[in-house]
All heavy atoms as atom14 arrays in JSON, in Angstrom:
{
  "sequence": "LENHGVPLALTSKLQEISESLLSLPFENKRELFTAVKSPLSYFW",
  "atom14_mask": [
    [1, 1, 1, 1, 1, 1, 1, 1, 0, 0, 0, 0, 0, 0],
    [1, 1, 1, 1, 1, 1, 1, 1, 1, 0, 0, 0, 0, 0],
    [1, 1, 1, 1, 1, 1, 1, 1, 0, 0, 0, 0, 0, 0],
    [1, 1, 1, 1, 1, 1, 1, 1, 1, 1, 0, 0, 0, 0],
    [1, 1, 1, 1, 0, 0, 0, 0, 0, 0, 0, 0, 0, 0],
    [1, 1, 1, 1, 1, 1, 1, 0, 0, 0, 0, 0, 0, 0],
    [1, 1, 1, 1, 1, 1, 1, 0, 0, 0, 0, 0, 0, 0],
    [1, 1, 1, 1, 1, 1, 1, 1, 0, 0, 0, 0, 0, 0],
    [1, 1, 1, 1, 1, 0, 0, 0, 0, 0, 0, 0, 0, 0],
    [1, 1, 1, 1, 1, 1, 1, 1, 0, 0, 0, 0, 0, 0],
    [1, 1, 1, 1, 1, 1, 1, 0, 0, 0, 0, 0, 0, 0],
    [1, 1, 1, 1, 1, 1, 0, 0, 0, 0, 0, 0, 0, 0],
    [1, 1, 1, 1, 1, 1, 1, 1, 1, 0, 0, 0, 0, 0],
    [1, 1, 1, 1, 1, 1, 1, 1, 0, 0, 0, 0, 0, 0],
    [1, 1, 1, 1, 1, 1, 1, 1, 1, 0, 0, 0, 0, 0],
    [1, 1, 1, 1, 1, 1, 1, 1, 1, 0, 0, 0, 0, 0],
    [1, 1, 1, 1, 1, 1, 1, 1, 0, 0, 0, 0, 0, 0],
    [1, 1, 1, 1, 1, 1, 0, 0, 0, 0, 0, 0, 0, 0],
    [1, 1, 1, 1, 1, 1, 1, 1, 1, 0, 0, 0, 0, 0],
    [1, 1, 1, 1, 1, 1, 0, 0, 0, 0, 0, 0, 0, 0],
    [1, 1, 1, 1, 1, 1, 1, 1, 0, 0, 0, 0, 0, 0],
    [1, 1, 1, 1, 1, 1, 1, 1, 0, 0, 0, 0, 0, 0],
    [1, 1, 1, 1, 1, 1, 0, 0, 0, 0, 0, 0, 0, 0],
    [1, 1, 1, 1, 1, 1, 1, 1, 0, 0, 0, 0, 0, 0],
    [1, 1, 1, 1, 1, 1, 1, 0, 0, 0, 0, 0, 0, 0],
    [1, 1, 1, 1, 1, 1, 1, 1, 1, 1, 1, 0, 0, 0],
    [1, 1, 1, 1, 1, 1, 1, 1, 1, 0, 0, 0, 0, 0],
    [1, 1, 1, 1, 1, 1, 1, 1, 0, 0, 0, 0, 0, 0],
    [1, 1, 1, 1, 1, 1, 1, 1, 1, 0, 0, 0, 0, 0],
    [1, 1, 1, 1, 1, 1, 1, 1, 1, 1, 1, 0, 0, 0],
    [1, 1, 1, 1, 1, 1, 1, 1, 1, 0, 0, 0, 0, 0],
    [1, 1, 1, 1, 1, 1, 1, 1, 0, 0, 0, 0, 0, 0],
    [1, 1, 1, 1, 1, 1, 1, 1, 1, 1, 1, 0, 0, 0],
    [1, 1, 1, 1, 1, 1, 1, 0, 0, 0, 0, 0, 0, 0],
    [1, 1, 1, 1, 1, 0, 0, 0, 0, 0, 0, 0, 0, 0],
    [1, 1, 1, 1, 1, 1, 1, 0, 0, 0, 0, 0, 0, 0],
    [1, 1, 1, 1, 1, 1, 1, 1, 1, 0, 0, 0, 0, 0],
    [1, 1, 1, 1, 1, 1, 0, 0, 0, 0, 0, 0, 0, 0],
    [1, 1, 1, 1, 1, 1, 1, 0, 0, 0, 0, 0, 0, 0],
    [1, 1, 1, 1, 1, 1, 1, 1, 0, 0, 0, 0, 0, 0],
    [1, 1, 1, 1, 1, 1, 0, 0, 0, 0, 0, 0, 0, 0],
    [1, 1, 1, 1, 1, 1, 1, 1, 1, 1, 1, 1, 0, 0],
    [1, 1, 1, 1, 1, 1, 1, 1, 1, 1, 1, 0, 0, 0],
    [1, 1, 1, 1, 1, 1, 1, 1, 1, 1, 1, 1, 1, 1]
  ],
  "atom14_positions": [
    [[-3.65, 10.62, -19.1], [-3.34, 9.26, -18.64], [-3.55, 9.17, -17.14], [-2.99, 9.94, -16.37], [-1.89, 8.92, -18.98], [-1.48, 7.45, -18.85], [-2.18, 6.61, -19.92], [0.04, 7.3, -18.98], [0.0, 0.0, 0.0], [0.0, 0.0, 0.0], [0.0, 0.0, 0.0], [0.0, 0.0, 0.0], [0.0, 0.0, 0.0], [0.0, 0.0, 0.0]],
    [[-4.39, 8.2, -16.74], [-4.6, 7.96, -15.32], [-4.16, 6.54, -14.96], [-3.94, 5.71, -15.85], [-6.07, 8.19, -14.94], [-7.05, 7.3, -15.67], [-8.5, 7.6, -15.31], [-8.75, 8.67, -14.74], [-9.36, 6.74, -15.6], [0.0, 0.0, 0.0], [0.0, 0.0, 0.0], [0.0, 0.0, 0.0], [0.0, 0.0, 0.0], [0.0, 0.0, 0.0]],
    [[-4.03, 6.28, -13.67], [-3.52, 4.99, -13.19], [-2.2, 4.63, -13.87], [-1.99, 3.51, -14.34], [-4.56, 3.88, -13.41], [-5.78, 4.06, -12.54], [-5.69, 4.47, -11.38], [-6.95, 3.77, -13.09], [0.0, 0.0, 0.0], [0.0, 0.0, 0.0], [0.0, 0.0, 0.0], [0.0, 0.0, 0.0], [0.0, 0.0, 0.0], [0.0, 0.0, 0.0]],
    [[-1.3, 5.61, -13.88], [-0.03, 5.46, -14.6], [1.06, 4.81, -13.76], [2.11, 4.42, -14.29], [0.46, 6.81, -15.09], [0.35, 7.89, -14.06], [1.15, 7.95, -12.94], [-0.5, 8.96, -13.98], [0.82, 9.02, -12.21], [-0.18, 9.65, -12.82], [0.0, 0.0, 0.0], [0.0, 0.0, 0.0], [0.0, 0.0, 0.0], [0.0, 0.0, 0.0]],
    [[0.84, 4.72, -12.46], [1.79, 4.01, -11.6], [2.98, 4.82, -11.11], [3.87, 4.27, -10.47], [0.0, 0.0, 0.0], [0.0, 0.0, 0.0], [0.0, 0.0, 0.0], [0.0, 0.0, 0.0], [0.0, 0.0, 0.0], [0.0, 0.0, 0.0], [0.0, 0.0, 0.0], [0.0, 0.0, 0.0], [0.0, 0.0, 0.0], [0.0, 0.0, 0.0]],
    [[3.01, 6.12, -11.4], [4.1, 6.95, -10.88], [3.7, 7.4, -9.47], [2.65, 8.04, -9.3], [4.34, 8.19, -11.76], [5.53, 8.99, -11.21], [4.61, 7.77, -13.2], [0.0, 0.0, 0.0], [0.0, 0.0, 0.0], [0.0, 0.0, 0.0], [0.0, 0.0, 0.0], [0.0, 0.0, 0.0], [0.0, 0.0, 0.0], [0.0, 0.0, 0.0]],
    [[4.48, 7.07, -8.44], [4.09, 7.42, -7.07], [3.91, 8.91, -6.88], [4.72, 9.71, -7.34], [5.27, 6.89, -6.22], [5.93, 5.86, -7.07], [5.76, 6.33, -8.49], [0.0, 0.0, 0.0], [0.0, 0.0, 0.0], [0.0, 0.0, 0.0], [0.0, 0.0, 0.0], [0.0, 0.0, 0.0], [0.0, 0.0, 0.0], [0.0, 0.0, 0.0]],
    [[2.85, 9.28, -6.21], [2.59, 10.69, -5.92], [3.71, 11.29, -5.09], [4.09, 12.45, -5.28], [1.25, 10.84, -5.2], [0.82, 12.25, -4.82], [0.72, 13.14, -6.05], [-0.53, 12.22, -4.07], [0.0, 0.0, 0.0], [0.0, 0.0, 0.0], [0.0, 0.0, 0.0], [0.0, 0.0, 0.0], [0.0, 0.0, 0.0], [0.0, 0.0, 0.0]],
    [[4.26, 10.5, -4.17], [5.35, 11.0, -3.32], [6.56, 11.39, -4.18], [7.25, 12.37, -3.89], [5.75, 9.95, -2.29], [0.0, 0.0, 0.0], [0.0, 0.0, 0.0], [0.0, 0.0, 0.0], [0.0, 0.0, 0.0], [0.0, 0.0, 0.0], [0.0, 0.0, 0.0], [0.0, 0.0, 0.0], [0.0, 0.0, 0.0], [0.0, 0.0, 0.0]],
    [[6.81, 10.61, -5.24], [7.94, 10.9, -6.13], [7.73, 12.2, -6.89], [8.63, 13.05, -6.95], [8.15, 9.74, -7.11], [9.18, 9.97, -8.22], [10.56, 10.24, -7.65], [9.21, 8.76, -9.16], [0.0, 0.0, 0.0], [0.0, 0.0, 0.0], [0.0, 0.0, 0.0], [0.0, 0.0, 0.0], [0.0, 0.0, 0.0], [0.0, 0.0, 0.0]],
    [[6.55, 12.39, -7.48], [6.3, 13.61, -8.25], [6.29, 14.83, -7.34], [6.72, 15.91, -7.74], [4.98, 13.51, -9.03], [3.9, 13.21, -8.14], [5.05, 12.41, -10.08], [0.0, 0.0, 0.0], [0.0, 0.0, 0.0], [0.0, 0.0, 0.0], [0.0, 0.0, 0.0], [0.0, 0.0, 0.0], [0.0, 0.0, 0.0], [0.0, 0.0, 0.0]],
    [[5.82, 14.66, -6.1], [5.81, 15.78, -5.16], [7.23, 16.2, -4.79], [7.56, 17.39, -4.74], [5.04, 15.41, -3.9], [3.68, 15.14, -4.19], [0.0, 0.0, 0.0], [0.0, 0.0, 0.0], [0.0, 0.0, 0.0], [0.0, 0.0, 0.0], [0.0, 0.0, 0.0], [0.0, 0.0, 0.0], [0.0, 0.0, 0.0], [0.0, 0.0, 0.0]],
    [[8.09, 15.21, -4.53], [9.49, 15.52, -4.2], [10.21, 16.14, -5.39], [11.0, 17.07, -5.23], [10.2, 14.24, -3.76], [9.77, 13.71, -2.4], [10.51, 12.43, -2.06], [10.06, 11.85, -0.73], [10.71, 10.55, -0.45], [0.0, 0.0, 0.0], [0.0, 0.0, 0.0], [0.0, 0.0, 0.0], [0.0, 0.0, 0.0], [0.0, 0.0, 0.0]],
    [[9.93, 15.62, -6.58], [10.57, 16.16, -7.78], [10.12, 17.6, -8.01], [10.93, 18.47, -8.39], [10.23, 15.3, -8.99], [10.91, 15.67, -10.31], [12.42, 15.66, -10.17], [10.47, 14.72, -11.42], [0.0, 0.0, 0.0], [0.0, 0.0, 0.0], [0.0, 0.0, 0.0], [0.0, 0.0, 0.0], [0.0, 0.0, 0.0], [0.0, 0.0, 0.0]],
    [[8.85, 17.88, -7.78], [8.34, 19.25, -7.92], [9.05, 20.17, -6.92], [9.48, 21.27, -7.27], [6.83, 19.26, -7.65], [6.2, 20.62, -7.49], [5.7, 21.21, -8.8], [5.69, 20.54, -9.82], [5.29, 22.46, -8.75], [0.0, 0.0, 0.0], [0.0, 0.0, 0.0], [0.0, 0.0, 0.0], [0.0, 0.0, 0.0], [0.0, 0.0, 0.0]],
    [[9.2, 19.7, -5.7], [9.8, 20.52, -4.64], [11.26, 20.84, -4.96], [11.68, 22.0, -4.85], [9.7, 19.77, -3.31], [10.26, 20.54, -2.12], [10.13, 19.77, -0.82], [9.38, 18.78, -0.78], [10.81, 20.16, 0.16], [0.0, 0.0, 0.0], [0.0, 0.0, 0.0], [0.0, 0.0, 0.0], [0.0, 0.0, 0.0], [0.0, 0.0, 0.0]],
    [[12.05, 19.84, -5.36], [13.46, 20.08, -5.62], [13.64, 20.9, -6.9], [14.56, 21.71, -7.01], [14.24, 18.75, -5.69], [15.74, 19.0, -5.58], [13.92, 17.99, -6.97], [16.2, 19.43, -4.22], [0.0, 0.0, 0.0], [0.0, 0.0, 0.0], [0.0, 0.0, 0.0], [0.0, 0.0, 0.0], [0.0, 0.0, 0.0], [0.0, 0.0, 0.0]],
    [[12.76, 20.72, -7.89], [12.83, 21.51, -9.12], [12.58, 22.99, -8.81], [13.3, 23.87, -9.31], [11.81, 21.0, -10.14], [12.08, 19.67, -10.54], [0.0, 0.0, 0.0], [0.0, 0.0, 0.0], [0.0, 0.0, 0.0], [0.0, 0.0, 0.0], [0.0, 0.0, 0.0], [0.0, 0.0, 0.0], [0.0, 0.0, 0.0], [0.0, 0.0, 0.0]],
    [[11.57, 23.25, -8.01], [11.27, 24.64, -7.63], [12.45, 25.24, -6.87], [12.8, 26.41, -7.07], [10.01, 24.69, -6.77], [8.73, 24.38, -7.53], [7.49, 24.57, -6.66], [7.59, 25.26, -5.62], [6.43, 24.03, -7.02], [0.0, 0.0, 0.0], [0.0, 0.0, 0.0], [0.0, 0.0, 0.0], [0.0, 0.0, 0.0], [0.0, 0.0, 0.0]],
    [[13.07, 24.43, -6.0], [14.18, 24.92, -5.2], [15.36, 25.3, -6.09], [15.97, 26.36, -5.91], [14.61, 23.83, -4.21], [15.74, 24.22, -3.48], [0.0, 0.0, 0.0], [0.0, 0.0, 0.0], [0.0, 0.0, 0.0], [0.0, 0.0, 0.0], [0.0, 0.0, 0.0], [0.0, 0.0, 0.0], [0.0, 0.0, 0.0], [0.0, 0.0, 0.0]],
    [[15.69, 24.46, -7.07], [16.81, 24.75, -7.96], [16.52, 25.93, -8.88], [17.38, 26.79, -9.11], [17.15, 23.52, -8.8], [17.89, 22.38, -8.07], [17.92, 21.13, -8.94], [19.31, 22.81, -7.71], [0.0, 0.0, 0.0], [0.0, 0.0, 0.0], [0.0, 0.0, 0.0], [0.0, 0.0, 0.0], [0.0, 0.0, 0.0], [0.0, 0.0, 0.0]],
    [[15.31, 25.99, -9.4], [14.97, 27.06, -10.34], [14.79, 28.41, -9.64], [14.82, 29.45, -10.29], [13.71, 26.7, -11.12], [13.94, 25.67, -12.23], [12.62, 25.08, -12.73], [14.7, 26.31, -13.4], [0.0, 0.0, 0.0], [0.0, 0.0, 0.0], [0.0, 0.0, 0.0], [0.0, 0.0, 0.0], [0.0, 0.0, 0.0], [0.0, 0.0, 0.0]],
    [[14.61, 28.39, -8.32], [14.46, 29.65, -7.59], [15.81, 30.24, -7.19], [15.86, 31.33, -6.62], [13.61, 29.44, -6.33], [14.29, 28.6, -5.4], [0.0, 0.0, 0.0], [0.0, 0.0, 0.0], [0.0, 0.0, 0.0], [0.0, 0.0, 0.0], [0.0, 0.0, 0.0], [0.0, 0.0, 0.0], [0.0, 0.0, 0.0], [0.0, 0.0, 0.0]],
    [[16.91, 29.54, -7.51], [18.24, 30.09, -7.24], [18.45, 31.36, -8.07], [17.83, 31.53, -9.12], [19.32, 29.06, -7.6], [19.41, 27.81, -6.73], [20.4, 26.83, -7.36], [19.83, 28.16, -5.31], [0.0, 0.0, 0.0], [0.0, 0.0, 0.0], [0.0, 0.0, 0.0], [0.0, 0.0, 0.0], [0.0, 0.0, 0.0], [0.0, 0.0, 0.0]],
    [[19.33, 32.25, -7.64], [19.65, 33.42, -8.48], [20.09, 32.98, -9.87], [20.73, 31.94, -10.04], [20.8, 34.08, -7.71], [20.6, 33.66, -6.29], [20.05, 32.27, -6.36], [0.0, 0.0, 0.0], [0.0, 0.0, 0.0], [0.0, 0.0, 0.0], [0.0, 0.0, 0.0], [0.0, 0.0, 0.0], [0.0, 0.0, 0.0], [0.0, 0.0, 0.0]],
    [[19.75, 33.79, -10.85], [20.03, 33.46, -12.26], [21.49, 33.08, -12.48], [21.79, 32.07, -13.12], [19.65, 34.67, -13.12], [20.06, 34.56, -14.56], [19.51, 33.59, -15.38], [21.0, 35.43, -15.1], [19.88, 33.49, -16.71], [21.38, 35.34, -16.43], [20.82, 34.37, -17.24], [0.0, 0.0, 0.0], [0.0, 0.0, 0.0], [0.0, 0.0, 0.0]],
    [[22.41, 33.87, -11.94], [23.83, 33.61, -12.16], [24.24, 32.28, -11.53], [25.06, 31.55, -12.08], [24.67, 34.74, -11.58], [24.55, 36.07, -12.32], [23.22, 36.79, -12.05], [22.51, 36.38, -11.09], [22.89, 37.74, -12.78], [0.0, 0.0, 0.0], [0.0, 0.0, 0.0], [0.0, 0.0, 0.0], [0.0, 0.0, 0.0], [0.0, 0.0, 0.0]],
    [[23.67, 31.94, -10.38], [23.99, 30.67, -9.72], [23.55, 29.48, -10.55], [24.24, 28.46, -10.63], [23.31, 30.61, -8.34], [23.89, 31.61, -7.36], [24.13, 32.76, -7.72], [24.12, 31.18, -6.14], [0.0, 0.0, 0.0], [0.0, 0.0, 0.0], [0.0, 0.0, 0.0], [0.0, 0.0, 0.0], [0.0, 0.0, 0.0], [0.0, 0.0, 0.0]],
    [[22.37, 29.6, -11.17], [21.88, 28.49, -12.0], [22.81, 28.25, -13.18], [23.11, 27.11, -13.53], [20.46, 28.8, -12.49], [19.41, 28.63, -11.42], [18.01, 28.91, -11.93], [17.74, 30.38, -12.12], [16.31, 30.69, -12.28], [0.0, 0.0, 0.0], [0.0, 0.0, 0.0], [0.0, 0.0, 0.0], [0.0, 0.0, 0.0], [0.0, 0.0, 0.0]],
    [[23.25, 29.32, -13.8], [24.16, 29.17, -14.95], [25.47, 28.52, -14.51], [25.99, 27.62, -15.17], [24.44, 30.53, -15.59], [23.26, 31.09, -16.34], [23.7, 32.2, -17.27], [24.38, 33.29, -16.56], [24.87, 34.37, -17.15], [24.76, 34.5, -18.47], [25.45, 35.33, -16.46], [0.0, 0.0, 0.0], [0.0, 0.0, 0.0], [0.0, 0.0, 0.0]],
    [[26.0, 28.97, -13.36], [27.28, 28.44, -12.89], [27.15, 26.98, -12.45], [28.05, 26.18, -12.68], [27.79, 29.29, -11.74], [28.19, 30.7, -12.14], [28.54, 31.57, -10.95], [28.52, 31.04, -9.82], [28.83, 32.77, -11.16], [0.0, 0.0, 0.0], [0.0, 0.0, 0.0], [0.0, 0.0, 0.0], [0.0, 0.0, 0.0], [0.0, 0.0, 0.0]],
    [[26.04, 26.64, -11.82], [25.85, 25.3, -11.27], [25.92, 24.24, -12.35], [26.42, 23.14, -12.12], [24.51, 25.23, -10.54], [24.2, 23.93, -9.79], [25.23, 23.69, -8.7], [22.79, 23.99, -9.2], [0.0, 0.0, 0.0], [0.0, 0.0, 0.0], [0.0, 0.0, 0.0], [0.0, 0.0, 0.0], [0.0, 0.0, 0.0], [0.0, 0.0, 0.0]],
    [[25.45, 24.58, -13.55], [25.39, 23.58, -14.62], [26.56, 23.68, -15.59], [26.59, 22.99, -16.6], [24.06, 23.7, -15.37], [22.91, 23.19, -14.56], [22.22, 24.02, -13.71], [22.53, 21.86, -14.63], [21.17, 23.56, -12.95], [21.48, 21.38, -13.87], [20.79, 22.23, -13.02], [0.0, 0.0, 0.0], [0.0, 0.0, 0.0], [0.0, 0.0, 0.0]],
    [[27.53, 24.53, -15.27], [28.73, 24.6, -16.11], [29.99, 24.29, -15.32], [30.89, 23.61, -15.82], [28.87, 25.99, -16.75], [28.87, 27.0, -15.72], [27.74, 26.26, -17.71], [0.0, 0.0, 0.0], [0.0, 0.0, 0.0], [0.0, 0.0, 0.0], [0.0, 0.0, 0.0], [0.0, 0.0, 0.0], [0.0, 0.0, 0.0], [0.0, 0.0, 0.0]],
    [[30.02, 24.73, -14.07], [31.24, 24.56, -13.27], [31.57, 23.09, -13.03], [32.73, 22.71, -12.95], [31.1, 25.29, -11.93], [0.0, 0.0, 0.0], [0.0, 0.0, 0.0], [0.0, 0.0, 0.0], [0.0, 0.0, 0.0], [0.0, 0.0, 0.0], [0.0, 0.0, 0.0], [0.0, 0.0, 0.0], [0.0, 0.0, 0.0], [0.0, 0.0, 0.0]],
    [[30.55, 22.23, -12.92], [30.79, 20.82, -12.62], [30.82, 19.98, -13.88], [30.83, 18.76, -13.82], [29.7, 20.28, -11.66], [29.76, 20.99, -10.32], [28.32, 20.41, -12.28], [0.0, 0.0, 0.0], [0.0, 0.0, 0.0], [0.0, 0.0, 0.0], [0.0, 0.0, 0.0], [0.0, 0.0, 0.0], [0.0, 0.0, 0.0], [0.0, 0.0, 0.0]],
    [[30.88, 20.62, -15.05], [30.87, 19.91, -16.34], [29.7, 18.92, -16.39], [29.86, 17.74, -16.74], [32.2, 19.2, -16.57], [33.4, 20.14, -16.58], [34.66, 19.42, -16.96], [35.88, 20.34, -16.88], [35.75, 21.53, -17.71], [0.0, 0.0, 0.0], [0.0, 0.0, 0.0], [0.0, 0.0, 0.0], [0.0, 0.0, 0.0], [0.0, 0.0, 0.0]],
    [[28.57, 19.4, -16.03], [27.38, 18.57, -15.94], [26.8, 18.25, -17.31], [26.8, 19.1, -18.2], [26.31, 19.3, -15.1], [25.08, 18.63, -15.17], [0.0, 0.0, 0.0], [0.0, 0.0, 0.0], [0.0, 0.0, 0.0], [0.0, 0.0, 0.0], [0.0, 0.0, 0.0], [0.0, 0.0, 0.0], [0.0, 0.0, 0.0], [0.0, 0.0, 0.0]],
    [[26.28, 17.01, -17.51], [25.55, 16.71, -18.74], [24.18, 17.41, -18.77], [23.55, 17.48, -19.82], [25.39, 15.19, -18.69], [25.42, 14.86, -17.22], [26.37, 15.84, -16.61], [0.0, 0.0, 0.0], [0.0, 0.0, 0.0], [0.0, 0.0, 0.0], [0.0, 0.0, 0.0], [0.0, 0.0, 0.0], [0.0, 0.0, 0.0], [0.0, 0.0, 0.0]],
    [[23.76, 17.91, -17.61], [22.53, 18.69, -17.56], [22.84, 20.11, -18.01], [23.97, 20.56, -17.92], [21.97, 18.72, -16.13], [21.23, 17.49, -15.61], [22.1, 16.26, -15.62], [20.72, 17.75, -14.2], [0.0, 0.0, 0.0], [0.0, 0.0, 0.0], [0.0, 0.0, 0.0], [0.0, 0.0, 0.0], [0.0, 0.0, 0.0], [0.0, 0.0, 0.0]],
    [[21.83, 20.8, -18.51], [22.05, 22.19, -18.93], [20.88, 23.06, -18.5], [19.76, 22.58, -18.31], [22.24, 22.28, -20.45], [21.11, 21.78, -21.14], [0.0, 0.0, 0.0], [0.0, 0.0, 0.0], [0.0, 0.0, 0.0], [0.0, 0.0, 0.0], [0.0, 0.0, 0.0], [0.0, 0.0, 0.0], [0.0, 0.0, 0.0], [0.0, 0.0, 0.0]],
    [[21.17, 24.34, -18.34], [20.17, 25.35, -17.99], [19.91, 26.2, -19.23], [20.83, 26.63, -19.91], [20.68, 26.21, -16.84], [19.85, 27.46, -16.59], [18.54, 27.36, -16.13], [20.39, 28.73, -16.8], [17.79, 28.51, -15.91], [19.64, 29.87, -16.56], [18.34, 29.76, -16.11], [17.59, 30.88, -15.89], [0.0, 0.0, 0.0], [0.0, 0.0, 0.0]],
    [[18.63, 26.44, -19.55], [18.28, 27.26, -20.7], [17.21, 28.26, -20.3], [16.51, 28.09, -19.31], [17.78, 26.37, -21.86], [16.51, 25.61, -21.55], [15.26, 26.14, -21.82], [16.57, 24.35, -20.97], [14.09, 25.45, -21.52], [15.41, 23.64, -20.67], [14.17, 24.19, -20.95], [0.0, 0.0, 0.0], [0.0, 0.0, 0.0], [0.0, 0.0, 0.0]],
    [[17.07, 29.28, -21.11], [16.01, 30.28, -20.86], [15.71, 31.02, -22.14], [16.52, 31.1, -23.05], [16.43, 31.25, -19.76], [17.64, 32.07, -20.08], [18.95, 31.74, -19.86], [17.66, 33.36, -20.72], [19.78, 32.73, -20.31], [19.01, 33.74, -20.84], [16.66, 34.21, -21.18], [19.39, 34.95, -21.41], [17.05, 35.42, -21.76], [18.4, 35.78, -21.86]]
  ]
}
């Protein structure tokens, strides 16, 4: 799909923050998504 209208700046920022979160130590990632009772979850 081309000309989809999703801003390049948005996808670039999302890529950057996703890489930053996923590069955290394994134990930190597990704790981050459980300690705050987040609706988000970490899987592997």
